[in-house]
Amino acid sequence: MPKLGEPAWDYVDRAIINAWGELCEQRCPDCGRPLYLHKTQTPADYHVATLTCPAAQQLDIFKARETRRNQPTYEKARQVGRNLDAGVTYLTFTQSEGVPVFDWPLP
């Protein structure tokens, strides 16, 4: 804690914040990867995976049953307000990165 009259931030604090800002400016705003990778990679270098939340999907199934409408096609389901993408998160990865792994602890 700074003493009275001392600046709240010293030169090390400012250097860290400046470096963080520069790092953020050098990252793609869409995927978060370093921008320099985009100069050498093409869309073919990326793979797509999905992470599906079964709870969100079950909610959507419940809503569909409540409306008593069972539409067989994707477009008809959308027309009655069903979200067939409920609970689906799309992820991209390169061969060198591998499939994303989520290792945070569950509550």
PDB file of N, CA and C in Angstrom:
ATOM      1  N   MET A   1       0.849  -1.176   0.000  1.00  0.00           N
ATOM      2  CA  MET A   1       0.000   0.000   0.000  1.00  0.00           C
ATOM      3  C   MET A   1       0.889   1.232   0.000  1.00  0.00           C
ATOM      4  N   PRO A   2       0.662   2.176  -0.931  1.00  0.00           N
ATOM      5  CA  PRO A   2       1.525   3.362  -0.979  1.00  0.00           C
ATOM      6  C   PRO A   2       1.285   4.261   0.228  1.00  0.00           C
ATOM      7  N   LYS A   3       2.369   4.886   0.601  1.00  0.00           N
ATOM      8  CA  LYS A   3       2.281   5.846   1.705  1.00  0.00           C
ATOM      9  C   LYS A   3       1.744   7.158   1.168  1.00  0.00           C
ATOM     10  N   LEU A   4       1.290   7.979   2.057  1.00  0.00           N
ATOM     11  CA  LEU A   4       0.748   9.276   1.681  1.00  0.00           C
ATOM     12  C   LEU A   4       1.793  10.065   0.902  1.00  0.00           C
ATOM     13  N   GLY A   5       1.430  10.552  -0.249  1.00  0.00           N
ATOM     14  CA  GLY A   5       2.334  11.322  -1.090  1.00  0.00           C
ATOM     15  C   GLY A   5       3.045  10.499  -2.139  1.00  0.00           C
ATOM     16  N   GLU A   6       3.040   9.152  -2.013  1.00  0.00           N
ATOM     17  CA  GLU A   6       3.667   8.296  -3.018  1.00  0.00           C
ATOM     18  C   GLU A   6       2.664   7.992  -4.122  1.00  0.00           C
ATOM     19  N   PRO A   7       3.133   7.846  -5.348  1.00  0.00           N
ATOM     20  CA  PRO A   7       2.195   7.488  -6.427  1.00  0.00           C
ATOM     21  C   PRO A   7       1.635   6.084  -6.197  1.00  0.00           C
ATOM     22  N   ALA A   8       0.390   5.888  -6.578  1.00  0.00           N
ATOM     23  CA  ALA A   8      -0.254   4.593  -6.397  1.00  0.00           C
ATOM     24  C   ALA A   8       0.363   3.541  -7.325  1.00  0.00           C
ATOM     25  N   TRP A   9       0.888   3.972  -8.472  1.00  0.00           N
ATOM     26  CA  TRP A   9       1.483   3.055  -9.431  1.00  0.00           C
ATOM     27  C   TRP A   9       2.944   3.446  -9.638  1.00  0.00           C
ATOM     28  N   ASP A  10       3.837   2.475  -9.565  1.00  0.00           N
ATOM     29  CA  ASP A  10       5.234   2.785  -9.846  1.00  0.00           C
ATOM     30  C   ASP A  10       5.554   2.403 -11.298  1.00  0.00           C
ATOM     31  N   TYR A  11       6.804   2.524 -11.684  1.00  0.00           N
ATOM     32  CA  TYR A  11       7.176   2.284 -13.082  1.00  0.00           C
ATOM     33  C   TYR A  11       6.974   0.822 -13.476  1.00  0.00           C
ATOM     34  N   VAL A  12       7.103  -0.111 -12.538  1.00  0.00           N
ATOM     35  CA  VAL A  12       6.885  -1.529 -12.851  1.00  0.00           C
ATOM     36  C   VAL A  12       5.404  -1.776 -13.141  1.00  0.00           C
ATOM     37  N   ASP A  13       4.532  -1.205 -12.328  1.00  0.00           N
ATOM     38  CA  ASP A  13       3.091  -1.354 -12.557  1.00  0.00           C
ATOM     39  C   ASP A  13       2.705  -0.812 -13.927  1.00  0.00           C
ATOM     40  N   ARG A  14       3.226   0.363 -14.264  1.00  0.00           N
ATOM     41  CA  ARG A  14       2.898   0.969 -15.562  1.00  0.00           C
ATOM     42  C   ARG A  14       3.460   0.144 -16.715  1.00  0.00           C
ATOM     43  N   ALA A  15       4.652  -0.428 -16.540  1.00  0.00           N
ATOM     44  CA  ALA A  15       5.240  -1.267 -17.590  1.00  0.00           C
ATOM     45  C   ALA A  15       4.396  -2.519 -17.823  1.00  0.00           C
ATOM     46  N   ILE A  16       3.895  -3.103 -16.752  1.00  0.00           N
ATOM     47  CA  ILE A  16       3.051  -4.298 -16.882  1.00  0.00           C
ATOM     48  C   ILE A  16       1.767  -3.956 -17.623  1.00  0.00           C
ATOM     49  N   ILE A  17       1.129  -2.860 -17.255  1.00  0.00           N
ATOM     50  CA  ILE A  17      -0.124  -2.461 -17.910  1.00  0.00           C
ATOM     51  C   ILE A  17       0.120  -2.118 -19.372  1.00  0.00           C
ATOM     52  N   ASN A  18       1.209  -1.438 -19.681  1.00  0.00           N
ATOM     53  CA  ASN A  18       1.531  -1.106 -21.074  1.00  0.00           C
ATOM     54  C   ASN A  18       1.783  -2.373 -21.891  1.00  0.00           C
ATOM     55  N   ALA A  19       2.512  -3.327 -21.322  1.00  0.00           N
ATOM     56  CA  ALA A  19       2.783  -4.583 -22.032  1.00  0.00           C
ATOM     57  C   ALA A  19       1.486  -5.347 -22.266  1.00  0.00           C
ATOM     58  N   TRP A  20       0.589  -5.355 -21.291  1.00  0.00           N
ATOM     59  CA  TRP A  20      -0.700  -6.032 -21.445  1.00  0.00           C
ATOM     60  C   TRP A  20      -1.502  -5.379 -22.571  1.00  0.00           C
ATOM     61  N   GLY A  21      -1.505  -4.055 -22.610  1.00  0.00           N
ATOM     62  CA  GLY A  21      -2.218  -3.341 -23.666  1.00  0.00           C
ATOM     63  C   GLY A  21      -1.670  -3.669 -25.048  1.00  0.00           C
ATOM     64  N   GLU A  22      -0.347  -3.719 -25.166  1.00  0.00           N
ATOM     65  CA  GLU A  22       0.262  -4.060 -26.448  1.00  0.00           C
ATOM     66  C   GLU A  22      -0.074  -5.495 -26.856  1.00  0.00           C
ATOM     67  N   LEU A  23      -0.076  -6.406 -25.893  1.00  0.00           N
ATOM     68  CA  LEU A  23      -0.421  -7.789 -26.184  1.00  0.00           C
ATOM     69  C   LEU A  23      -1.864  -7.887 -26.673  1.00  0.00           C
ATOM     70  N   CYS A  24      -2.765  -7.177 -26.022  1.00  0.00           N
ATOM     71  CA  CYS A  24      -4.180  -7.210 -26.426  1.00  0.00           C
ATOM     72  C   CYS A  24      -4.369  -6.615 -27.813  1.00  0.00           C
ATOM     73  N   GLU A  25      -3.610  -5.594 -28.155  1.00  0.00           N
ATOM     74  CA  GLU A  25      -3.711  -4.978 -29.477  1.00  0.00           C
ATOM     75  C   GLU A  25      -3.204  -5.904 -30.571  1.00  0.00           C
ATOM     76  N   GLN A  26      -2.365  -6.858 -30.231  1.00  0.00           N
ATOM     77  CA  GLN A  26      -1.777  -7.768 -31.211  1.00  0.00           C
ATOM     78  C   GLN A  26      -2.551  -9.065 -31.333  1.00  0.00           C
ATOM     79  N   ARG A  27      -3.716  -9.143 -30.717  1.00  0.00           N
ATOM     80  CA  ARG A  27      -4.544 -10.349 -30.782  1.00  0.00           C
ATOM     81  C   ARG A  27      -5.753 -10.101 -31.668  1.00  0.00           C
ATOM     82  N   CYS A  28      -6.174 -11.138 -32.355  1.00  0.00           N
ATOM     83  CA  CYS A  28      -7.357 -11.066 -33.207  1.00  0.00           C
ATOM     84  C   CYS A  28      -8.585 -10.836 -32.323  1.00  0.00           C
ATOM     85  N   PRO A  29      -9.407  -9.849 -32.651  1.00  0.00           N
ATOM     86  CA  PRO A  29     -10.578  -9.595 -31.816  1.00  0.00           C
ATOM     87  C   PRO A  29     -11.635 -10.692 -31.902  1.00  0.00           C
ATOM     88  N   ASP A  30     -11.562 -11.546 -32.921  1.00  0.00           N
ATOM     89  CA  ASP A  30     -12.558 -12.611 -33.060  1.00  0.00           C
ATOM     90  C   ASP A  30     -12.138 -13.899 -32.357  1.00  0.00           C
ATOM     91  N   CYS A  31     -10.921 -14.376 -32.633  1.00  0.00           N
ATOM     92  CA  CYS A  31     -10.526 -15.678 -32.077  1.00  0.00           C
ATOM     93  C   CYS A  31      -9.546 -15.564 -30.916  1.00  0.00           C
ATOM     94  N   GLY A  32      -8.918 -14.400 -30.734  1.00  0.00           N
ATOM     95  CA  GLY A  32      -7.999 -14.212 -29.614  1.00  0.00           C
ATOM     96  C   GLY A  32      -6.591 -14.714 -29.859  1.00  0.00           C
ATOM     97  N   ARG A  33      -6.355 -15.282 -31.023  1.00  0.00           N
ATOM     98  CA  ARG A  33      -5.003 -15.751 -31.326  1.00  0.00           C
ATOM     99  C   ARG A  33      -4.136 -14.567 -31.756  1.00  0.00           C
ATOM    100  N   PRO A  34      -2.810 -14.706 -31.654  1.00  0.00           N
ATOM    101  CA  PRO A  34      -1.928 -13.624 -32.113  1.00  0.00           C
ATOM    102  C   PRO A  34      -2.154 -13.320 -33.596  1.00  0.00           C
ATOM    103  N   LEU A  35      -2.179 -12.040 -33.950  1.00  0.00           N
ATOM    104  CA  LEU A  35      -2.448 -11.635 -35.330  1.00  0.00           C
ATOM    105  C   LEU A  35      -1.409 -12.158 -36.312  1.00  0.00           C
ATOM    106  N   TYR A  36      -0.167 -12.332 -35.872  1.00  0.00           N
ATOM    107  CA  TYR A  36       0.862 -12.789 -36.813  1.00  0.00           C
ATOM    108  C   TYR A  36       0.542 -14.171 -37.372  1.00  0.00           C
ATOM    109  N   LEU A  37      -0.235 -14.986 -36.647  1.00  0.00           N
ATOM    110  CA  LEU A  37      -0.612 -16.303 -37.170  1.00  0.00           C
ATOM    111  C   LEU A  37      -1.494 -16.185 -38.406  1.00  0.00           C
ATOM    112  N   HIS A  38      -2.307 -15.138 -38.458  1.00  0.00           N
ATOM    113  CA  HIS A  38      -3.230 -14.975 -39.577  1.00  0.00           C
ATOM    114  C   HIS A  38      -2.508 -14.672 -40.891  1.00  0.00           C
ATOM    115  N   LYS A  39      -1.265 -14.255 -40.814  1.00  0.00           N
ATOM    116  CA  LYS A  39      -0.513 -13.968 -42.029  1.00  0.00           C
ATOM    117  C   LYS A  39      -0.085 -15.252 -42.738  1.00  0.00           C
ATOM    118  N   THR A  40       0.064 -16.343 -41.980  1.00  0.00           N
ATOM    119  CA  THR A  40       0.563 -17.583 -42.565  1.00  0.00           C
ATOM    120  C   THR A  40      -0.472 -18.690 -42.626  1.00  0.00           C
ATOM    121  N   GLN A  41      -1.603 -18.538 -41.943  1.00  0.00           N
ATOM    122  CA  GLN A  41      -2.603 -19.599 -41.923  1.00  0.00           C
ATOM    123  C   GLN A  41      -3.780 -19.289 -42.840  1.00  0.00           C
ATOM    124  N   THR A  42      -4.433 -20.331 -43.275  1.00  0.00           N
ATOM    125  CA  THR A  42      -5.620 -20.211 -44.117  1.00  0.00           C
ATOM    126  C   THR A  42      -6.790 -20.875 -43.386  1.00  0.00           C
ATOM    127  N   PRO A  43      -8.019 -20.662 -43.860  1.00  0.00           N
ATOM    128  CA  PRO A  43      -9.150 -21.348 -43.223  1.00  0.00           C
ATOM    129  C   PRO A  43      -8.995 -22.872 -43.207  1.00  0.00           C
ATOM    130  N   ALA A  44      -8.307 -23.420 -44.187  1.00  0.00           N
ATOM    131  CA  ALA A  44      -8.117 -24.873 -44.234  1.00  0.00           C
ATOM    132  C   ALA A  44      -7.246 -25.388 -43.087  1.00  0.00           C
ATOM    133  N   ASP A  45      -6.486 -24.492 -42.442  1.00  0.00           N
ATOM    134  CA  ASP A  45      -5.643 -24.890 -41.317  1.00  0.00           C
ATOM    135  C   ASP A  45      -6.451 -25.123 -40.041  1.00  0.00           C
ATOM    136  N   TYR A  46      -7.711 -24.733 -40.038  1.00  0.00           N
ATOM    137  CA  TYR A  46      -8.523 -24.823 -38.828  1.00  0.00           C
ATOM    138  C   TYR A  46      -9.550 -25.941 -38.922  1.00  0.00           C
ATOM    139  N   HIS A  47      -9.842 -26.509 -37.799  1.00  0.00           N
ATOM    140  CA  HIS A  47     -10.878 -27.527 -37.664  1.00  0.00           C
ATOM    141  C   HIS A  47     -11.941 -26.952 -36.729  1.00  0.00           C
ATOM    142  N   VAL A  48     -13.139 -27.494 -36.802  1.00  0.00           N
ATOM    143  CA  VAL A  48     -14.229 -27.013 -35.959  1.00  0.00           C
ATOM    144  C   VAL A  48     -14.733 -28.160 -35.097  1.00  0.00           C
ATOM    145  N   ALA A  49     -14.963 -27.857 -33.844  1.00  0.00           N
ATOM    146  CA  ALA A  49     -15.553 -28.825 -32.922  1.00  0.00           C
ATOM    147  C   ALA A  49     -16.730 -28.144 -32.232  1.00  0.00           C
ATOM    148  N   THR A  50     -17.609 -28.928 -31.685  1.00  0.00           N
ATOM    149  CA  THR A  50     -18.739 -28.360 -30.952  1.00  0.00           C
ATOM    150  C   THR A  50     -18.755 -28.899 -29.534  1.00  0.00           C
ATOM    151  N   LEU A  51     -19.215 -28.065 -28.651  1.00  0.00           N
ATOM    152  CA  LEU A  51     -19.429 -28.436 -27.262  1.00  0.00           C
ATOM    153  C   LEU A  51     -20.918 -28.247 -27.021  1.00  0.00           C
ATOM    154  N   THR A  52     -21.616 -29.302 -26.667  1.00  0.00           N
ATOM    155  CA  THR A  52     -23.064 -29.240 -26.548  1.00  0.00           C
ATOM    156  C   THR A  52     -23.486 -29.320 -25.088  1.00  0.00           C
ATOM    157  N   CYS A  53     -24.361 -28.409 -24.703  1.00  0.00           N
ATOM    158  CA  CYS A  53     -24.901 -28.390 -23.345  1.00  0.00           C
ATOM    159  C   CYS A  53     -26.214 -29.176 -23.342  1.00  0.00           C
ATOM    160  N   PRO A  54     -26.240 -30.330 -22.716  1.00  0.00           N
ATOM    161  CA  PRO A  54     -27.465 -31.126 -22.729  1.00  0.00           C
ATOM    162  C   PRO A  54     -28.612 -30.459 -21.966  1.00  0.00           C
ATOM    163  N   ALA A  55     -28.313 -29.644 -20.977  1.00  0.00           N
ATOM    164  CA  ALA A  55     -29.379 -28.970 -20.228  1.00  0.00           C
ATOM    165  C   ALA A  55     -30.121 -27.978 -21.118  1.00  0.00           C
ATOM    166  N   ALA A  56     -29.378 -27.197 -21.914  1.00  0.00           N
ATOM    167  CA  ALA A  56     -30.020 -26.232 -22.814  1.00  0.00           C
ATOM    168  C   ALA A  56     -30.813 -26.955 -23.897  1.00  0.00           C
ATOM    169  N   GLN A  57     -30.294 -28.066 -24.387  1.00  0.00           N
ATOM    170  CA  GLN A  57     -31.026 -28.828 -25.385  1.00  0.00           C
ATOM    171  C   GLN A  57     -32.326 -29.392 -24.804  1.00  0.00           C
ATOM    172  N   GLN A  58     -32.283 -29.869 -23.580  1.00  0.00           N
ATOM    173  CA  GLN A  58     -33.479 -30.409 -22.955  1.00  0.00           C
ATOM    174  C   GLN A  58     -34.530 -29.325 -22.761  1.00  0.00           C
ATOM    175  N   LEU A  59     -34.100 -28.122 -22.408  1.00  0.00           N
ATOM    176  CA  LEU A  59     -35.047 -27.008 -22.290  1.00  0.00           C
ATOM    177  C   LEU A  59     -35.737 -26.734 -23.622  1.00  0.00           C
ATOM    178  N   ASP A  60     -34.969 -26.787 -24.704  1.00  0.00           N
ATOM    179  CA  ASP A  60     -35.555 -26.545 -26.017  1.00  0.00           C
ATOM    180  C   ASP A  60     -36.546 -27.652 -26.384  1.00  0.00           C
ATOM    181  N   ILE A  61     -36.216 -28.895 -26.056  1.00  0.00           N
ATOM    182  CA  ILE A  61     -37.132 -30.003 -26.318  1.00  0.00           C
ATOM    183  C   ILE A  61     -38.424 -29.812 -25.518  1.00  0.00           C
ATOM    184  N   PHE A  62     -38.290 -29.403 -24.277  1.00  0.00           N
ATOM    185  CA  PHE A  62     -39.458 -29.166 -23.431  1.00  0.00           C
ATOM    186  C   PHE A  62     -40.343 -28.073 -24.023  1.00  0.00           C
ATOM    187  N   LYS A  63     -39.717 -26.979 -24.471  1.00  0.00           N
ATOM    188  CA  LYS A  63     -40.493 -25.885 -25.071  1.00  0.00           C
ATOM    189  C   LYS A  63     -41.237 -26.363 -26.318  1.00  0.00           C
ATOM    190  N   ALA A  64     -40.582 -27.195 -27.112  1.00  0.00           N
ATOM    191  CA  ALA A  64     -41.225 -27.712 -28.328  1.00  0.00           C
ATOM    192  C   ALA A  64     -42.428 -28.581 -27.972  1.00  0.00           C
ATOM    193  N   ARG A  65     -42.287 -29.393 -26.946  1.00  0.00           N
ATOM    194  CA  ARG A  65     -43.415 -30.249 -26.530  1.00  0.00           C
ATOM    195  C   ARG A  65     -44.570 -29.403 -26.000  1.00  0.00           C
ATOM    196  N   GLU A  66     -44.227 -28.330 -25.306  1.00  0.00           N
ATOM    197  CA  GLU A  66     -45.268 -27.467 -24.752  1.00  0.00           C
ATOM    198  C   GLU A  66     -46.099 -26.823 -25.857  1.00  0.00           C
ATOM    199  N   THR A  67     -45.489 -26.531 -26.990  1.00  0.00           N
ATOM    200  CA  THR A  67     -46.243 -25.911 -28.083  1.00  0.00           C
ATOM    201  C   THR A  67     -47.055 -26.943 -28.859  1.00  0.00           C
ATOM    202  N   ARG A  68     -46.808 -28.243 -28.569  1.00  0.00           N
ATOM    203  CA  ARG A  68     -47.533 -29.340 -29.226  1.00  0.00           C
ATOM    204  C   ARG A  68     -47.342 -29.341 -30.744  1.00  0.00           C
ATOM    205  N   ARG A  69     -46.193 -28.845 -31.175  1.00  0.00           N
ATOM    206  CA  ARG A  69     -45.892 -28.829 -32.609  1.00  0.00           C
ATOM    207  C   ARG A  69     -44.648 -29.659 -32.842  1.00  0.00           C
ATOM    208  N   ASN A  70     -44.752 -30.649 -33.633  1.00  0.00           N
ATOM    209  CA  ASN A  70     -43.614 -31.495 -33.952  1.00  0.00           C
ATOM    210  C   ASN A  70     -43.305 -31.330 -35.434  1.00  0.00           C
ATOM    211  N   GLN A  71     -42.383 -30.441 -35.720  1.00  0.00           N
ATOM    212  CA  GLN A  71     -42.028 -30.144 -37.106  1.00  0.00           C
ATOM    213  C   GLN A  71     -40.818 -30.978 -37.507  1.00  0.00           C
ATOM    214  N   PRO A  72     -40.879 -31.685 -38.626  1.00  0.00           N
ATOM    215  CA  PRO A  72     -39.804 -32.596 -38.995  1.00  0.00           C
ATOM    216  C   PRO A  72     -38.555 -31.937 -39.576  1.00  0.00           C
ATOM    217  N   THR A  73     -38.658 -30.721 -40.087  1.00  0.00           N
ATOM    218  CA  THR A  73     -37.487 -30.129 -40.737  1.00  0.00           C
ATOM    219  C   THR A  73     -36.927 -28.977 -39.926  1.00  0.00           C
ATOM    220  N   TYR A  74     -35.675 -28.695 -40.181  1.00  0.00           N
ATOM    221  CA  TYR A  74     -34.958 -27.623 -39.485  1.00  0.00           C
ATOM    222  C   TYR A  74     -35.649 -26.280 -39.700  1.00  0.00           C
ATOM    223  N   GLU A  75     -35.981 -25.964 -40.938  1.00  0.00           N
ATOM    224  CA  GLU A  75     -36.588 -24.660 -41.243  1.00  0.00           C
ATOM    225  C   GLU A  75     -37.965 -24.534 -40.602  1.00  0.00           C
ATOM    226  N   LYS A  76     -38.759 -25.581 -40.628  1.00  0.00           N
ATOM    227  CA  LYS A  76     -40.077 -25.519 -39.995  1.00  0.00           C
ATOM    228  C   LYS A  76     -39.943 -25.361 -38.483  1.00  0.00           C
ATOM    229  N   ALA A  77     -38.955 -26.015 -37.913  1.00  0.00           N
ATOM    230  CA  ALA A  77     -38.718 -25.877 -36.471  1.00  0.00           C
ATOM    231  C   ALA A  77     -38.352 -24.437 -36.132  1.00  0.00           C
ATOM    232  N   ARG A  78     -37.540 -23.815 -36.967  1.00  0.00           N
ATOM    233  CA  ARG A  78     -37.175 -22.412 -36.736  1.00  0.00           C
ATOM    234  C   ARG A  78     -38.396 -21.504 -36.850  1.00  0.00           C
ATOM    235  N   GLN A  79     -39.286 -21.813 -37.781  1.00  0.00           N
ATOM    236  CA  GLN A  79     -40.473 -20.983 -37.990  1.00  0.00           C
ATOM    237  C   GLN A  79     -41.383 -20.961 -36.767  1.00  0.00           C
ATOM    238  N   VAL A  80     -41.414 -22.034 -36.005  1.00  0.00           N
ATOM    239  CA  VAL A  80     -42.253 -22.066 -34.804  1.00  0.00           C
ATOM    240  C   VAL A  80     -41.473 -21.661 -33.554  1.00  0.00           C
ATOM    241  N   GLY A  81     -40.246 -21.186 -33.752  1.00  0.00           N
ATOM    242  CA  GLY A  81     -39.495 -20.629 -32.633  1.00  0.00           C
ATOM    243  C   GLY A  81     -38.548 -21.570 -31.922  1.00  0.00           C
ATOM    244  N   ARG A  82     -38.325 -22.759 -32.459  1.00  0.00           N
ATOM    245  CA  ARG A  82     -37.363 -23.671 -31.833  1.00  0.00           C
ATOM    246  C   ARG A  82     -35.954 -23.281 -32.224  1.00  0.00           C
ATOM    247  N   ASN A  83     -35.057 -23.324 -31.280  1.00  0.00           N
ATOM    248  CA  ASN A  83     -33.656 -23.033 -31.533  1.00  0.00           C
ATOM    249  C   ASN A  83     -32.890 -24.347 -31.519  1.00  0.00           C
ATOM    250  N   LEU A  84     -32.636 -24.891 -32.679  1.00  0.00           N
ATOM    251  CA  LEU A  84     -31.961 -26.180 -32.751  1.00  0.00           C
ATOM    252  C   LEU A  84     -30.473 -26.085 -32.416  1.00  0.00           C
ATOM    253  N   ASP A  85     -29.969 -24.875 -32.281  1.00  0.00           N
ATOM    254  CA  ASP A  85     -28.584 -24.681 -31.873  1.00  0.00           C
ATOM    255  C   ASP A  85     -28.474 -24.381 -30.386  1.00  0.00           C
ATOM    256  N   ALA A  86     -29.526 -24.552 -29.639  1.00  0.00           N
ATOM    257  CA  ALA A  86     -29.496 -24.251 -28.207  1.00  0.00           C
ATOM    258  C   ALA A  86     -28.420 -25.081 -27.529  1.00  0.00           C
ATOM    259  N   GLY A  87     -27.594 -24.426 -26.782  1.00  0.00           N
ATOM    260  CA  GLY A  87     -26.570 -25.125 -26.020  1.00  0.00           C
ATOM    261  C   GLY A  87     -25.367 -25.573 -26.802  1.00  0.00           C
ATOM    262  N   VAL A  88     -25.240 -25.165 -28.067  1.00  0.00           N
ATOM    263  CA  VAL A  88     -24.102 -25.588 -28.878  1.00  0.00           C
ATOM    264  C   VAL A  88     -23.109 -24.435 -28.980  1.00  0.00           C
ATOM    265  N   THR A  89     -21.882 -24.705 -28.606  1.00  0.00           N
ATOM    266  CA  THR A  89     -20.800 -23.731 -28.738  1.00  0.00           C
ATOM    267  C   THR A  89     -19.839 -24.253 -29.794  1.00  0.00           C
ATOM    268  N   TYR A  90     -19.484 -23.405 -30.741  1.00  0.00           N
ATOM    269  CA  TYR A  90     -18.574 -23.802 -31.808  1.00  0.00           C
ATOM    270  C   TYR A  90     -17.158 -23.371 -31.451  1.00  0.00           C
ATOM    271  N   LEU A  91     -16.204 -24.273 -31.602  1.00  0.00           N
ATOM    272  CA  LEU A  91     -14.812 -24.023 -31.263  1.00  0.00           C
ATOM    273  C   LEU A  91     -13.944 -24.281 -32.481  1.00  0.00           C
ATOM    274  N   THR A  92     -12.896 -23.496 -32.640  1.00  0.00           N
ATOM    275  CA  THR A  92     -11.943 -23.753 -33.714  1.00  0.00           C
ATOM    276  C   THR A  92     -10.590 -24.121 -33.114  1.00  0.00           C
ATOM    277  N   PHE A  93      -9.831 -24.921 -33.834  1.00  0.00           N
ATOM    278  CA  PHE A  93      -8.502 -25.296 -33.384  1.00  0.00           C
ATOM    279  C   PHE A  93      -7.670 -25.699 -34.591  1.00  0.00           C
ATOM    280  N   THR A  94      -6.375 -25.580 -34.455  1.00  0.00           N
ATOM    281  CA  THR A  94      -5.464 -26.024 -35.509  1.00  0.00           C
ATOM    282  C   THR A  94      -4.902 -27.391 -35.134  1.00  0.00           C
ATOM    283  N   GLN A  95      -4.269 -28.025 -36.090  1.00  0.00           N
ATOM    284  CA  GLN A  95      -3.675 -29.333 -35.844  1.00  0.00           C
ATOM    285  C   GLN A  95      -2.653 -29.249 -34.711  1.00  0.00           C
ATOM    286  N   SER A  96      -1.848 -28.191 -34.693  1.00  0.00           N
ATOM    287  CA  SER A  96      -0.809 -28.076 -33.668  1.00  0.00           C
ATOM    288  C   SER A  96      -1.396 -27.765 -32.289  1.00  0.00           C
ATOM    289  N   GLU A  97      -2.555 -27.082 -32.242  1.00  0.00           N
ATOM    290  CA  GLU A  97      -3.180 -26.775 -30.952  1.00  0.00           C
ATOM    291  C   GLU A  97      -3.892 -27.990 -30.367  1.00  0.00           C
ATOM    292  N   GLY A  98      -4.490 -28.801 -31.231  1.00  0.00           N
ATOM    293  CA  GLY A  98      -5.280 -29.935 -30.771  1.00  0.00           C
ATOM    294  C   GLY A  98      -6.675 -29.493 -30.340  1.00  0.00           C
ATOM    295  N   VAL A  99      -7.532 -30.460 -30.083  1.00  0.00           N
ATOM    296  CA  VAL A  99      -8.898 -30.173 -29.667  1.00  0.00           C
ATOM    297  C   VAL A  99      -8.858 -29.493 -28.299  1.00  0.00           C
ATOM    298  N   PRO A 100      -9.630 -28.395 -28.109  1.00  0.00           N
ATOM    299  CA  PRO A 100      -9.635 -27.720 -26.812  1.00  0.00           C
ATOM    300  C   PRO A 100     -10.079 -28.666 -25.694  1.00  0.00           C
ATOM    301  N   VAL A 101      -9.407 -28.555 -24.557  1.00  0.00           N
ATOM    302  CA  VAL A 101      -9.726 -29.365 -23.385  1.00  0.00           C
ATOM    303  C   VAL A 101     -10.116 -28.416 -22.263  1.00  0.00           C
ATOM    304  N   PHE A 102     -11.228 -28.704 -21.650  1.00  0.00           N
ATOM    305  CA  PHE A 102     -11.696 -27.877 -20.541  1.00  0.00           C
ATOM    306  C   PHE A 102     -11.427 -28.649 -19.259  1.00  0.00           C
ATOM    307  N   ASP A 103     -10.501 -28.134 -18.470  1.00  0.00           N
ATOM    308  CA  ASP A 103     -10.109 -28.874 -17.274  1.00  0.00           C
ATOM    309  C   ASP A 103     -10.408 -28.114 -15.986  1.00  0.00           C
ATOM    310  N   TRP A 104     -11.330 -27.160 -16.048  1.00  0.00           N
ATOM    311  CA  TRP A 104     -11.662 -26.477 -14.811  1.00  0.00           C
ATOM    312  C   TRP A 104     -12.529 -27.396 -13.956  1.00  0.00           C
ATOM    313  N   PRO A 105     -12.447 -27.251 -12.645  1.00  0.00           N
ATOM    314  CA  PRO A 105     -13.216 -28.152 -11.778  1.00  0.00           C
ATOM    315  C   PRO A 105     -14.699 -27.853 -11.811  1.00  0.00           C
ATOM    316  N   LEU A 106     -15.501 -28.880 -11.732  1.00  0.00           N
ATOM    317  CA  LEU A 106     -16.946 -28.705 -11.660  1.00  0.00           C
ATOM    318  C   LEU A 106     -17.328 -28.367 -10.209  1.00  0.00           C
ATOM    319  N   PRO A 107     -18.414 -27.598 -10.042  1.00  0.00           N
ATOM    320  CA  PRO A 107     -18.818 -27.252  -8.672  1.00  0.00           C
ATOM    321  C   PRO A 107     -19.298 -28.461  -7.905  1.00  0.00           C
TER     322      PRO A 107
END
